């Protein structure tokens, strides 16, 4: 084993320490602020039927997401392949830092379906852009009703404008792929080795963006992702009903937007701490007691982890892969590697 390989895990741990610190602080503050007996009582009184409905809706989210990703991949893989790889990526995000599960999804799809790494990665980036736009619209669209702030409507319009601008830029890049490659060659003309290394990757990446130039495929992806977010609101709302009987669709939608924003912050693997803090903060705007909100947040997080880790582990077993092997593949991708 080389020295570089030996030191890699330690270096990764050091880079992950700030996120772990944030998670620990968030959890410490939450448990300091809540009434612990009320927290325990809330867990004991939670209605089990809400958990059942939330699990069913959660699977709806996963199915809709796998269909949208398969559409982005131009149906080059089966629905099952997209479903299992998606959950394998979630498993990696839960146990590895820096959202390495996104890279893991591209590596798994390359190894199991023979698709180019950069082509697959571009579809994941497009998916994330869709998600950011939907999340911003959901959060900022509900904020005026939560706070009664008219100024938040302007923020929602700004977010929508930024999303449209981002898609417009990607559309122009995808529509003018030859021109983009010529610009790349011109900019890196002085560094031929670097240009040669990156050109094939860029070309594969641009092929993955081509979906943005096809109106029918674009709106198909948008439909399934919006449906995935609807299922998301449904499973959060069903679980929240177990703890807060007077839950409303507005409350569930706002909580989903807040949770999506919370997990975007630096944290330990699995978004521990920041996820709970985001949900408790969001529910405080509706007057929900912090202890009850924390009981719901931890239940939601545990449910998410059980399902995604369980399905991800099944997927890895089916594919004959291991977490250690995938982590090595992710961290050892070098410039000398093949341009797929």
Protein backbone atom coordinates (compact mmCIF):
# COMPACT_ATOMS: atom_id res chain seq x y z
CA UNK A 1 0.00 0.00 0.00
CA UNK A 2 1.41 3.39 -1.00
CA UNK A 3 1.98 6.19 1.48
CA UNK A 4 -0.59 8.33 -0.32
CA UNK A 5 -3.19 5.63 0.10
CA UNK A 6 -2.31 5.21 3.74
CA UNK A 7 -2.69 8.89 4.57
CA UNK A 8 -5.86 9.47 2.55
CA UNK A 9 -8.34 8.39 5.23
CA UNK A 10 -6.74 10.65 7.83
CA UNK A 11 -6.78 13.58 5.45
CA UNK A 12 -10.42 12.92 4.67
CA UNK A 13 -11.26 12.82 8.38
CA UNK A 14 -9.50 16.15 8.97
CA UNK A 15 -11.44 17.74 6.14
CA UNK A 16 -14.68 16.36 7.59
CA UNK A 17 -14.04 17.67 11.12
CA UNK A 18 -15.64 21.14 10.61
CA UNK A 19 -18.87 19.52 9.44
CA UNK A 20 -18.82 17.05 12.33
CA UNK A 21 -18.24 19.94 14.75
CA UNK A 22 -21.26 21.81 13.34
CA UNK A 23 -23.41 18.70 13.74
CA UNK A 24 -22.34 18.14 17.34
CA UNK A 25 -22.94 21.79 18.26
CA UNK A 26 -26.37 21.76 16.61
CA UNK A 27 -27.44 18.65 18.51
CA UNK A 28 -26.04 19.99 21.80
CA UNK A 29 -27.95 23.26 21.44
CA UNK A 30 -31.17 21.47 20.52
CA UNK A 31 -31.08 19.11 23.50
CA UNK A 32 -30.13 22.00 25.80
CA UNK A 33 -33.15 24.04 24.69
CA UNK A 34 -35.83 21.34 24.72
CA UNK A 35 -37.73 19.95 27.68
CA UNK A 36 -36.46 16.36 27.72
CA UNK A 37 -39.49 14.80 29.50
CA UNK A 38 -41.79 16.41 26.90
CA UNK A 39 -39.52 15.09 24.15
CA UNK A 40 -39.78 11.51 25.48
CA UNK A 41 -43.53 11.85 25.99
CA UNK A 42 -43.95 13.06 22.39
CA UNK A 43 -42.16 9.99 21.09
CA UNK A 44 -44.35 7.70 23.18
CA UNK A 45 -47.59 9.35 22.06
CA UNK A 46 -46.77 9.48 18.35
CA UNK A 47 -49.54 7.92 16.27
CA UNK A 48 -48.21 4.82 14.44
CA UNK A 49 -50.55 5.29 11.48
CA UNK A 50 -48.63 8.41 10.48
CA UNK A 51 -45.46 6.33 10.23
CA UNK A 52 -47.18 3.83 7.93
CA UNK A 53 -48.42 6.50 5.53
CA UNK A 54 -45.06 8.29 5.58
CA UNK A 55 -43.23 5.11 4.57
CA UNK A 56 -45.61 4.57 1.64
CA UNK A 57 -45.21 8.17 0.48
CA UNK A 58 -41.44 7.92 0.90
CA UNK A 59 -41.34 5.03 -1.57
CA UNK A 60 -43.37 7.20 -3.93
CA UNK A 61 -40.61 9.81 -3.72
CA UNK A 62 -37.95 7.24 -4.54
CA UNK A 63 -39.88 5.83 -7.50
CA UNK A 64 -40.56 9.27 -8.99
CA UNK A 65 -36.90 10.26 -8.60
CA UNK A 66 -35.63 7.08 -10.21
CA UNK A 67 -37.96 7.60 -13.20
CA UNK A 68 -36.83 11.22 -13.61
CA UNK A 69 -33.17 10.19 -13.49
CA UNK A 70 -33.74 7.40 -16.00
CA UNK A 71 -35.31 10.01 -18.30
CA UNK A 72 -32.24 12.23 -17.89
CA UNK A 73 -30.13 9.20 -18.83
CA UNK A 74 -32.19 8.82 -22.04
CA UNK A 75 -33.55 5.44 -20.99
CA UNK A 76 -30.11 3.85 -21.43
CA UNK A 77 -30.69 1.90 -18.21
CA UNK A 78 -33.61 -0.03 -16.78
CA UNK A 79 -35.94 1.42 -14.15
CA UNK A 80 -34.53 -1.05 -11.64
CA UNK A 81 -30.96 0.00 -12.36
CA UNK A 82 -31.85 3.67 -11.82
CA UNK A 83 -33.73 2.86 -8.59
CA UNK A 84 -30.97 0.79 -6.99
CA UNK A 85 -28.17 3.16 -8.02
CA UNK A 86 -30.12 6.12 -6.65
CA UNK A 87 -30.41 4.42 -3.26
CA UNK A 88 -26.78 3.34 -3.32
CA UNK A 89 -25.92 7.00 -3.74
CA UNK A 90 -28.11 7.91 -0.77
CA UNK A 91 -26.34 5.27 1.31
CA UNK A 92 -22.97 6.76 0.40
CA UNK A 93 -24.18 10.27 1.31
CA UNK A 94 -25.30 8.92 4.68
CA UNK A 95 -21.94 7.42 5.61
CA UNK A 96 -19.38 9.45 3.65
CA UNK A 97 -18.59 13.18 3.94
CA UNK A 98 -18.89 15.90 1.26
CA UNK A 99 -21.93 14.32 -0.48
CA UNK A 100 -19.63 11.82 -2.18
CA UNK A 101 -22.69 9.75 -2.96
CA UNK A 102 -23.25 11.89 -6.06
CA UNK A 103 -19.87 10.85 -7.44
CA UNK A 104 -20.59 7.32 -6.25
CA UNK A 105 -23.77 7.20 -8.33
CA UNK A 106 -21.80 8.07 -11.45
CA UNK A 107 -19.14 5.45 -10.67
CA UNK A 108 -21.73 2.75 -9.97
CA UNK A 109 -23.60 3.53 -13.18
CA UNK A 110 -20.32 3.39 -15.11
CA UNK A 111 -19.44 0.00 -13.64
CA UNK A 112 -22.90 -1.59 -13.89
CA UNK A 113 -24.33 -0.03 -17.05
CA UNK A 114 -21.20 0.95 -18.98
CA UNK A 115 -22.13 4.63 -19.17
CA UNK A 116 -19.45 7.33 -19.13
CA UNK A 117 -18.70 8.80 -15.69
CA UNK A 118 -18.86 12.41 -16.86
CA UNK A 119 -22.01 11.87 -18.88
CA UNK A 120 -23.77 10.42 -15.83
CA UNK A 121 -22.39 13.14 -13.55
CA UNK A 122 -23.84 15.82 -15.82
CA UNK A 123 -27.33 14.32 -15.43
CA UNK A 124 -26.92 14.39 -11.64
CA UNK A 125 -25.93 18.07 -11.83
CA UNK A 126 -28.98 18.82 -13.98
CA UNK A 127 -31.13 16.96 -11.45
CA UNK A 128 -29.67 19.05 -8.64
CA UNK A 129 -30.40 22.27 -10.54
CA UNK A 130 -34.02 21.20 -10.89
CA UNK A 131 -34.09 20.41 -7.16
CA UNK A 132 -32.61 23.76 -6.14
CA UNK A 133 -35.17 25.60 -8.24
CA UNK A 134 -38.09 23.59 -6.84
CA UNK A 135 -36.77 23.91 -3.28
CA UNK A 136 -36.31 27.68 -3.59
CA UNK A 137 -39.77 28.08 -5.06
CA UNK A 138 -41.29 25.91 -2.32
CA UNK A 139 -39.52 27.63 0.56
CA UNK A 140 -39.84 31.21 -0.65
CA UNK A 141 -43.32 30.62 -2.04
CA UNK A 142 -44.61 29.50 1.38
CA UNK A 143 -42.63 32.02 3.42
CA UNK A 144 -45.01 34.97 2.85
CA UNK A 145 -47.90 32.90 4.20
CA UNK A 146 -45.85 31.75 7.18
CA UNK A 147 -44.45 35.16 8.11
CA UNK A 148 -46.98 37.40 6.41
CA UNK A 149 -44.05 39.19 4.76
CA UNK A 150 -44.83 40.67 1.38
CA UNK A 151 -41.12 41.24 0.77
CA UNK A 152 -40.63 37.47 0.67
CA UNK A 153 -42.64 37.37 -2.56
CA UNK A 154 -39.93 39.45 -4.19
CA UNK A 155 -37.32 37.00 -2.92
CA UNK A 156 -39.30 34.15 -4.46
CA UNK A 157 -39.39 35.96 -7.79
CA UNK A 158 -35.63 36.54 -7.60
CA UNK A 159 -35.04 32.85 -6.88
CA UNK A 160 -37.24 31.88 -9.82
CA UNK A 161 -35.34 34.32 -12.03
CA UNK A 162 -32.00 32.85 -11.00
CA UNK A 163 -33.27 29.33 -11.72
CA UNK A 164 -34.50 30.34 -15.17
CA UNK A 165 -31.19 32.09 -15.85
CA UNK A 166 -29.25 29.00 -14.81
CA UNK A 167 -31.29 26.78 -17.10
CA UNK A 168 -30.90 29.29 -19.93
CA UNK A 169 -27.11 29.24 -19.61
CA UNK A 170 -27.04 25.43 -19.54
CA UNK A 171 -29.42 25.33 -22.51
CA UNK A 172 -27.12 27.58 -24.56
CA UNK A 173 -24.10 25.48 -23.61
CA UNK A 174 -25.88 22.23 -24.46
CA UNK A 175 -27.33 23.64 -27.70
CA UNK A 176 -23.93 24.89 -28.85
CA UNK A 177 -21.73 21.98 -27.85
CA UNK A 178 -19.26 22.34 -30.78
CA UNK A 179 -18.80 26.03 -29.99
CA UNK A 180 -18.28 25.20 -26.31
CA UNK A 181 -15.58 22.68 -27.21
CA UNK A 182 -13.88 25.18 -29.52
CA UNK A 183 -13.88 27.75 -26.73
CA UNK A 184 -12.39 25.15 -24.40
CA UNK A 185 -9.60 24.37 -26.90
CA UNK A 186 -8.87 28.07 -27.31
CA UNK A 187 -8.70 28.75 -23.57
CA UNK A 188 -6.44 25.76 -22.84
CA UNK A 189 -4.39 25.91 -26.02
CA UNK A 190 -1.26 26.76 -24.05
CA UNK A 191 -1.58 23.62 -21.94
CA UNK A 192 -2.08 20.78 -24.47
CA UNK A 193 -1.72 17.95 -21.94
CA UNK A 194 -4.35 19.48 -19.68
CA UNK A 195 -6.57 20.18 -22.69
CA UNK A 196 -6.27 16.58 -23.92
CA UNK A 197 -7.07 15.21 -20.48
CA UNK A 198 -10.20 17.32 -20.03
CA UNK A 199 -11.64 17.44 -23.55
CA UNK A 200 -13.16 13.97 -23.60
CA UNK A 201 -14.61 14.53 -20.13
CA UNK A 202 -16.13 17.83 -21.20
CA UNK A 203 -17.57 16.21 -24.31
CA UNK A 204 -19.21 13.47 -22.24
CA UNK A 205 -20.46 16.09 -19.80
CA UNK A 206 -22.03 18.11 -22.62
CA UNK A 207 -23.73 15.00 -23.98
CA UNK A 208 -25.40 14.58 -20.62
CA UNK A 209 -26.70 18.16 -20.79
CA UNK A 210 -28.32 17.53 -24.17
CA UNK A 211 -31.57 16.63 -22.40
CA UNK A 212 -32.10 20.35 -21.81
CA UNK A 213 -32.46 20.92 -25.55
CA UNK A 214 -35.37 18.45 -25.87
CA UNK A 215 -38.61 20.08 -24.70
CA UNK A 216 -40.52 16.81 -24.24
CA UNK A 217 -37.78 15.20 -22.15
CA UNK A 218 -37.23 18.41 -20.18
CA UNK A 219 -40.87 18.62 -19.09
CA UNK A 220 -41.00 14.88 -18.42
CA UNK A 221 -38.10 15.24 -15.99
CA UNK A 222 -39.71 18.32 -14.45
CA UNK A 223 -43.02 16.45 -13.98
CA UNK A 224 -41.46 13.50 -12.18
CA UNK A 225 -39.28 15.67 -9.97
CA UNK A 226 -42.21 17.88 -8.99
CA UNK A 227 -44.16 14.68 -8.21
CA UNK A 228 -41.22 13.49 -6.09
CA UNK A 229 -41.42 16.72 -4.08
CA UNK A 230 -45.19 16.27 -3.70
CA UNK A 231 -44.56 12.80 -2.26
CA UNK A 232 -41.91 14.40 -0.08
CA UNK A 233 -44.45 16.83 1.34
CA UNK A 234 -46.86 13.92 1.81
CA UNK A 235 -44.48 11.78 3.84
CA UNK A 236 -43.33 14.70 5.99
CA UNK A 237 -46.94 15.73 6.51
CA UNK A 238 -48.08 12.22 7.44
CA UNK A 239 -45.28 11.82 9.96
CA UNK A 240 -45.80 15.31 11.34
CA UNK A 241 -49.48 14.45 11.89
CA UNK A 242 -48.29 11.72 14.29
CA UNK A 243 -46.91 14.44 16.55
CA UNK A 244 -48.97 17.54 15.64
CA UNK A 245 -52.62 16.60 14.91
CA UNK A 246 -53.47 20.06 13.49
CA UNK A 247 -50.84 19.86 10.76
CA UNK A 248 -51.67 21.75 7.55
CA UNK A 249 -50.37 21.37 3.96
CA UNK A 250 -48.67 24.76 4.33
CA UNK A 251 -46.81 23.56 7.42
CA UNK A 252 -45.66 20.36 5.71
CA UNK A 253 -44.56 22.19 2.55
CA UNK A 254 -42.59 24.79 4.50
CA UNK A 255 -40.92 22.12 6.63
CA UNK A 256 -39.83 20.25 3.48
CA UNK A 257 -38.29 23.41 2.03
CA UNK A 258 -36.55 24.20 5.30
CA UNK A 259 -35.13 20.68 5.60
CA UNK A 260 -33.76 20.84 2.05
CA UNK A 261 -32.05 24.10 2.89
CA UNK A 262 -30.72 22.70 6.17
CA UNK A 263 -29.02 19.66 4.65
CA UNK A 264 -27.20 21.95 2.21
CA UNK A 265 -25.15 23.27 5.15
CA UNK A 266 -21.83 21.66 6.16
CA UNK A 267 -22.38 18.78 8.55
CA UNK A 268 -21.36 15.26 9.40
CA UNK A 269 -22.30 12.44 7.01
CA UNK A 270 -26.05 11.89 7.06
CA UNK A 271 -26.77 15.58 7.86
CA UNK A 272 -26.94 14.83 11.58
CA UNK A 273 -27.82 17.86 13.67
CA UNK A 274 -28.39 20.40 10.89
CA UNK A 275 -31.41 18.44 9.63
CA UNK A 276 -33.00 18.45 13.09
CA UNK A 277 -32.14 22.11 13.65
CA UNK A 278 -33.77 23.10 10.35
CA UNK A 279 -37.01 21.27 11.18
CA UNK A 280 -37.20 22.58 14.74
CA UNK A 281 -36.57 26.12 13.51
CA UNK A 282 -39.22 25.81 10.78
CA UNK A 283 -41.86 24.41 13.15
CA UNK A 284 -41.15 27.12 15.73
CA UNK A 285 -42.68 29.59 13.25
CA UNK A 286 -45.95 27.67 13.63
CA UNK A 287 -45.77 27.72 17.41
CA UNK A 288 -44.85 24.05 17.77
CA UNK A 289 -43.03 23.28 21.03
CA UNK A 290 -39.32 22.64 20.45
CA UNK A 291 -39.43 19.28 22.25
CA UNK A 292 -42.29 18.03 20.06
CA UNK A 293 -40.58 19.39 16.94
CA UNK A 294 -37.33 17.64 17.86
CA UNK A 295 -39.17 14.35 18.44
CA UNK A 296 -40.66 14.65 14.94
CA UNK A 297 -37.33 15.69 13.40
CA UNK A 298 -35.40 12.75 14.88
CA UNK A 299 -38.16 10.34 13.86
CA UNK A 300 -38.10 11.69 10.30
CA UNK A 301 -34.33 11.42 10.17
CA UNK A 302 -34.27 7.87 11.53
CA UNK A 303 -36.96 6.83 9.08
CA UNK A 304 -35.00 8.34 6.20
CA UNK A 305 -31.77 6.65 7.28
CA UNK A 306 -33.37 3.23 7.80
CA UNK A 307 -34.99 3.21 4.37
CA UNK A 308 -32.11 4.65 2.35
CA UNK A 309 -29.37 2.71 4.12
CA UNK A 310 -31.40 -0.48 3.89
CA UNK A 311 -32.17 -0.12 0.19
CA UNK A 312 -28.65 1.10 -0.54
CA UNK A 313 -27.14 -1.92 1.22
CA UNK A 314 -29.38 -4.25 -0.79
CA UNK A 315 -28.32 -2.48 -3.98
CA UNK A 316 -24.61 -2.80 -3.17
CA UNK A 317 -25.08 -6.47 -2.35
CA UNK A 318 -26.90 -7.07 -5.64
CA UNK A 319 -24.07 -5.36 -7.52
CA UNK A 320 -21.30 -7.15 -5.62
CA UNK A 321 -19.84 -3.87 -4.35
CA UNK A 322 -18.64 -2.62 -0.99
CA UNK A 323 -18.49 0.77 0.70
CA UNK A 324 -14.72 0.54 1.04
CA UNK A 325 -14.23 -0.26 -2.61
CA UNK A 326 -16.48 2.57 -3.76
CA UNK A 327 -14.80 5.05 -1.41
CA UNK A 328 -11.45 4.05 -2.88
CA UNK A 329 -12.80 4.49 -6.41
CA UNK A 330 -14.15 7.95 -5.56
CA UNK A 331 -11.05 9.26 -3.79
CA UNK A 332 -8.53 7.71 -6.19
CA UNK A 333 -9.89 9.19 -9.44
CA UNK A 334 -6.73 10.72 -10.94
CA UNK A 335 -5.99 12.77 -14.06
CA UNK A 336 -4.38 9.73 -15.57
CA UNK A 337 -7.63 7.81 -15.42
CA UNK A 338 -9.63 7.04 -18.50
CA UNK A 339 -11.73 9.91 -19.84
CA UNK A 340 -15.05 8.19 -19.27
